[in-house]
Protein backbone atom coordinates (compact mmCIF):
# COMPACT_ATOMS: atom_id res chain seq x y z
CA MET A 1 39.05 33.22 -42.94
CA CYS A 2 37.59 35.61 -45.52
CA GLY A 3 35.48 34.28 -48.34
CA ASN A 4 36.11 35.90 -51.73
CA ASN A 5 34.75 33.61 -54.45
CA MET A 6 31.00 33.78 -53.80
CA SER A 7 28.33 35.25 -56.04
CA VAL A 8 26.18 36.59 -53.18
CA PRO A 9 27.04 40.33 -52.88
CA LEU A 10 27.36 40.48 -49.10
CA LEU A 11 29.40 37.27 -48.98
CA ALA A 12 31.95 38.45 -51.52
CA ASP A 13 33.94 40.26 -48.84
CA ALA A 14 32.46 38.87 -45.61
CA VAL A 15 34.49 37.73 -42.62
CA THR A 16 33.56 34.07 -42.22
CA VAL A 17 34.65 32.16 -39.14
CA SER A 18 34.20 28.45 -39.68
CA GLY A 19 33.59 26.02 -36.85
CA ALA A 20 36.12 23.45 -35.72
CA GLU A 21 33.54 20.71 -36.27
CA ARG A 22 30.99 19.97 -38.98
CA GLU A 23 28.89 23.13 -39.24
CA THR A 24 25.22 22.53 -38.46
CA ALA A 25 24.17 26.12 -37.75
CA ALA A 26 24.99 29.69 -38.73
CA VAL A 27 24.97 33.14 -37.13
CA ILE A 28 24.89 36.05 -39.59
CA PHE A 29 25.86 39.23 -37.74
CA LEU A 30 25.85 42.78 -39.12
CA HIS A 31 28.01 45.66 -37.88
CA GLY A 32 26.90 49.23 -37.25
CA LEU A 33 27.32 52.44 -39.25
CA GLY A 34 30.90 53.20 -40.28
CA ASP A 35 32.26 49.87 -39.04
CA THR A 36 33.28 46.61 -40.76
CA GLY A 37 32.59 42.95 -40.19
CA HIS A 38 36.04 42.46 -38.67
CA SER A 39 35.20 44.07 -35.31
CA TRP A 40 32.19 41.86 -34.65
CA ALA A 41 33.91 38.73 -35.95
CA GLU A 42 36.50 39.39 -33.25
CA ALA A 43 33.87 40.12 -30.59
CA LEU A 44 31.93 36.96 -31.41
CA SER A 45 35.08 34.84 -31.28
CA SER A 46 34.90 34.99 -27.48
CA ILE A 47 31.54 33.19 -27.51
CA ARG A 48 32.17 30.92 -30.48
CA LEU A 49 30.60 27.46 -30.66
CA PRO A 50 32.62 24.89 -32.67
CA TYR A 51 29.67 23.68 -34.76
CA VAL A 52 28.40 27.17 -35.68
CA LYS A 53 29.55 29.16 -38.71
CA TYR A 54 29.80 32.91 -38.08
CA ILE A 55 29.36 35.26 -41.04
CA CYS A 56 30.06 38.98 -40.59
CA PRO A 57 29.51 40.84 -43.87
CA HIS A 58 30.82 44.32 -44.64
CA ALA A 59 28.29 47.01 -45.57
CA PRO A 60 28.75 48.86 -48.87
CA ARG A 61 30.20 52.37 -48.76
CA ILE A 62 27.52 54.99 -49.50
CA PRO A 63 26.85 58.68 -48.74
CA VAL A 64 25.02 59.00 -45.40
CA THR A 65 22.66 61.95 -44.98
CA LEU A 66 22.96 61.90 -41.18
CA ASN A 67 26.73 62.45 -41.47
CA MET A 68 26.67 65.32 -43.99
CA LYS A 69 26.65 62.93 -46.97
CA MET A 70 30.06 61.53 -46.03
CA VAL A 71 30.77 58.20 -47.74
CA MET A 72 31.12 55.35 -45.23
CA PRO A 73 30.09 51.72 -44.66
CA SER A 74 26.31 51.78 -44.24
CA TRP A 75 23.60 49.21 -44.91
CA PHE A 76 21.21 51.97 -46.03
CA ASP A 77 20.96 55.75 -45.82
CA LEU A 78 20.14 57.30 -42.46
CA MET A 79 18.34 60.63 -42.18
CA GLY A 80 17.92 60.64 -38.41
CA LEU A 81 17.87 58.44 -35.31
CA SER A 82 14.49 59.35 -33.82
CA PRO A 83 11.33 57.21 -34.19
CA ASP A 84 9.70 59.83 -36.44
CA ALA A 85 12.72 60.56 -38.68
CA PRO A 86 12.34 60.03 -42.46
CA GLU A 87 13.59 56.62 -43.62
CA ASP A 88 15.32 55.26 -46.70
CA GLU A 89 12.58 52.77 -47.54
CA ALA A 90 14.05 51.70 -50.88
CA GLY A 91 17.53 51.30 -49.38
CA ILE A 92 16.25 49.29 -46.42
CA LYS A 93 14.30 46.93 -48.67
CA LYS A 94 17.24 46.49 -51.05
CA ALA A 95 19.60 45.73 -48.14
CA ALA A 96 17.08 43.22 -46.75
CA GLU A 97 16.95 41.43 -50.11
CA ASN A 98 20.75 41.21 -50.17
CA LEU A 99 20.74 39.76 -46.67
CA LYS A 100 18.05 37.27 -47.64
CA ALA A 101 20.38 36.11 -50.42
CA VAL A 102 23.00 35.33 -47.76
CA ILE A 103 20.41 33.27 -45.87
CA GLU A 104 19.49 31.39 -49.05
CA HIS A 105 23.17 30.72 -49.76
CA GLU A 106 23.56 29.03 -46.36
CA ILE A 107 20.36 27.03 -46.86
CA LYS A 108 21.67 25.77 -50.23
CA ASN A 109 24.87 24.76 -48.43
CA GLY A 110 22.86 22.50 -46.14
CA ILE A 111 22.07 24.61 -43.06
CA PRO A 112 18.29 24.63 -42.48
CA PRO A 113 16.60 28.00 -41.83
CA ASN A 114 15.64 27.01 -38.28
CA ARG A 115 19.37 26.68 -37.54
CA ILE A 116 20.15 30.26 -38.65
CA ILE A 117 20.23 33.30 -36.36
CA LEU A 118 20.33 36.84 -37.74
CA GLY A 119 21.86 39.51 -35.57
CA GLY A 120 23.50 42.88 -35.53
CA PHE A 121 24.52 46.00 -33.68
CA SER A 122 22.91 49.43 -34.17
CA GLN A 123 22.07 49.86 -37.88
CA GLY A 124 23.06 46.22 -38.44
CA GLY A 125 20.66 45.09 -35.74
CA ALA A 126 17.93 47.21 -37.30
CA LEU A 127 18.42 45.55 -40.68
CA SER A 128 18.48 42.10 -39.06
CA LEU A 129 15.12 42.76 -37.39
CA TYR A 130 13.50 43.98 -40.59
CA THR A 131 14.95 41.17 -42.71
CA ALA A 132 14.00 38.35 -40.35
CA LEU A 133 10.46 39.59 -39.82
CA THR A 134 9.86 39.87 -43.58
CA SER A 135 11.63 36.63 -44.48
CA GLN A 136 9.86 33.72 -46.16
CA TYR A 137 11.98 31.33 -44.10
CA GLN A 138 11.28 30.31 -40.51
CA LEU A 139 14.50 31.33 -38.77
CA ALA A 140 15.80 30.38 -35.33
CA GLY A 141 16.09 33.85 -33.83
CA ILE A 142 17.26 37.45 -33.91
CA VAL A 143 19.95 39.19 -31.83
CA ALA A 144 19.17 42.92 -31.84
CA LEU A 145 21.77 45.03 -30.02
CA SER A 146 21.32 48.78 -29.43
CA CYS A 147 18.93 49.17 -32.34
CA TRP A 148 15.41 49.81 -33.62
CA LEU A 149 12.88 48.37 -36.08
CA PRO A 150 13.09 50.14 -39.47
CA LEU A 151 9.83 51.08 -41.21
CA HIS A 152 8.08 50.26 -37.93
CA LYS A 153 4.79 51.80 -39.07
CA ALA A 154 4.47 49.07 -41.71
CA PHE A 155 4.27 46.36 -39.03
CA PRO A 156 2.67 44.00 -38.15
CA GLN A 157 1.22 44.01 -41.68
CA ALA A 158 4.70 43.85 -43.28
CA ALA A 159 5.55 40.60 -41.51
CA SER A 160 5.78 37.76 -44.02
CA ASN A 161 2.48 35.89 -43.58
CA GLY A 162 3.27 35.26 -39.93
CA MET A 163 6.12 32.96 -40.98
CA ASN A 164 8.24 34.19 -38.07
CA LYS A 165 5.40 34.82 -35.62
CA ASP A 166 7.14 32.60 -33.06
CA ILE A 167 10.72 33.71 -33.68
CA ALA A 168 12.82 34.30 -30.56
CA ILE A 169 14.25 37.81 -30.21
CA LEU A 170 17.01 38.90 -27.83
CA GLN A 171 17.05 42.69 -27.70
CA CYS A 172 19.75 44.41 -25.61
CA HIS A 173 20.37 48.11 -24.98
CA GLY A 174 22.67 50.29 -22.91
CA GLU A 175 20.84 52.51 -20.42
CA MET A 176 23.28 55.35 -21.10
CA ASP A 177 23.19 55.12 -24.91
CA PRO A 178 23.50 58.72 -26.27
CA MET A 179 23.02 57.70 -29.92
CA ILE A 180 19.90 55.56 -29.71
CA PRO A 181 18.35 56.25 -26.30
CA VAL A 182 17.15 53.24 -24.33
CA ARG A 183 13.61 54.67 -24.55
CA PHE A 184 13.69 53.96 -28.30
CA GLY A 185 14.78 50.43 -27.51
CA ALA A 186 11.83 50.02 -25.15
CA LEU A 187 9.43 51.35 -27.80
CA THR A 188 10.90 48.88 -30.27
CA ALA A 189 10.39 46.00 -27.84
CA GLU A 190 6.73 46.94 -27.44
CA LYS A 191 6.30 47.13 -31.21
CA LEU A 192 7.95 43.74 -31.65
CA LYS A 193 5.44 42.23 -29.22
CA SER A 194 2.70 43.22 -31.68
CA VAL A 195 4.51 41.41 -34.49
CA VAL A 196 5.63 38.18 -32.81
CA THR A 197 4.43 36.19 -29.81
CA PRO A 198 5.08 38.62 -26.91
CA THR A 199 6.73 36.01 -24.69
CA LYS A 200 9.35 35.45 -27.42
CA VAL A 201 10.75 38.97 -26.98
CA GLN A 202 13.48 39.46 -24.37
CA PHE A 203 14.47 43.09 -23.72
CA ARG A 204 17.52 43.50 -21.51
CA THR A 205 19.13 46.77 -20.49
CA TYR A 206 22.58 47.36 -19.03
CA PRO A 207 23.26 50.18 -16.51
CA GLY A 208 26.15 52.43 -17.47
CA MET A 209 26.51 50.97 -20.97
CA MET A 210 26.60 53.51 -23.80
CA HIS A 211 26.34 52.80 -27.56
CA SER A 212 28.58 49.77 -27.26
CA SER A 213 28.67 46.28 -25.78
CA CYS A 214 29.76 44.75 -22.48
CA PRO A 215 30.77 41.28 -21.19
CA GLN A 216 27.36 40.74 -19.56
CA GLU A 217 25.61 41.44 -22.85
CA MET A 218 27.90 39.07 -24.74
CA MET A 219 27.20 36.31 -22.22
CA ALA A 220 23.47 36.84 -22.78
CA VAL A 221 24.08 36.53 -26.54
CA LYS A 222 26.04 33.32 -26.02
CA GLU A 223 23.30 31.78 -23.87
CA PHE A 224 20.69 32.78 -26.47
CA ILE A 225 22.68 31.19 -29.31
CA GLU A 226 23.36 28.00 -27.32
CA LYS A 227 19.68 27.64 -26.46
CA LEU A 228 18.42 28.15 -30.02
CA LEU A 229 21.26 26.33 -31.78
CA PRO A 230 22.09 23.30 -29.63
CA ARG A 231 24.63 20.77 -30.81
CA ILE A 232 23.05 18.02 -32.96
């Protein structure tokens, strides 16, 4: 079902899939550039757990420099997809604050922070990484698919007082990704190991997979969620 009566900006038009049982955990998952929350709500339905609430917000529509200033769903502006490309620092930080408001909304509704996983694909995964690592709440984990760490030069100093030093991170990447090469994913994994406990970072690659997902990756995501958010 779609929520439409909430004051939190990203929840106003989010796709929210409620569990069949009493919800004791939440997965907040962000789509990639030009997409909507509907596609990942559908993808996650195949690995749904009945006691977990899935929230898939829609990004606002903004002009994107990378795509000739075309207006499209985007969490923040993108100037390039290489590790040394200029970044929209103000936009990234604003988007992270909006996402933190979603986290706080779920906490106020009774789901503790250590029962919340942030995740996303591509640009959505990037924002999830940045938001979780700078959050004041100790979250359960991060699912980072085919993405990178925004404002990576600011870390580890930008991490919020080590609050999420022990957060579990599942990072997955296609070995044939033409948009965000797997080498960038590997560099991101190494950077993450300087921010959190290195053994908490899993970096999995998938032969033949491009800038997309695959059943093997989704099974890894399901196992990660089940491990971090067991039934209580």
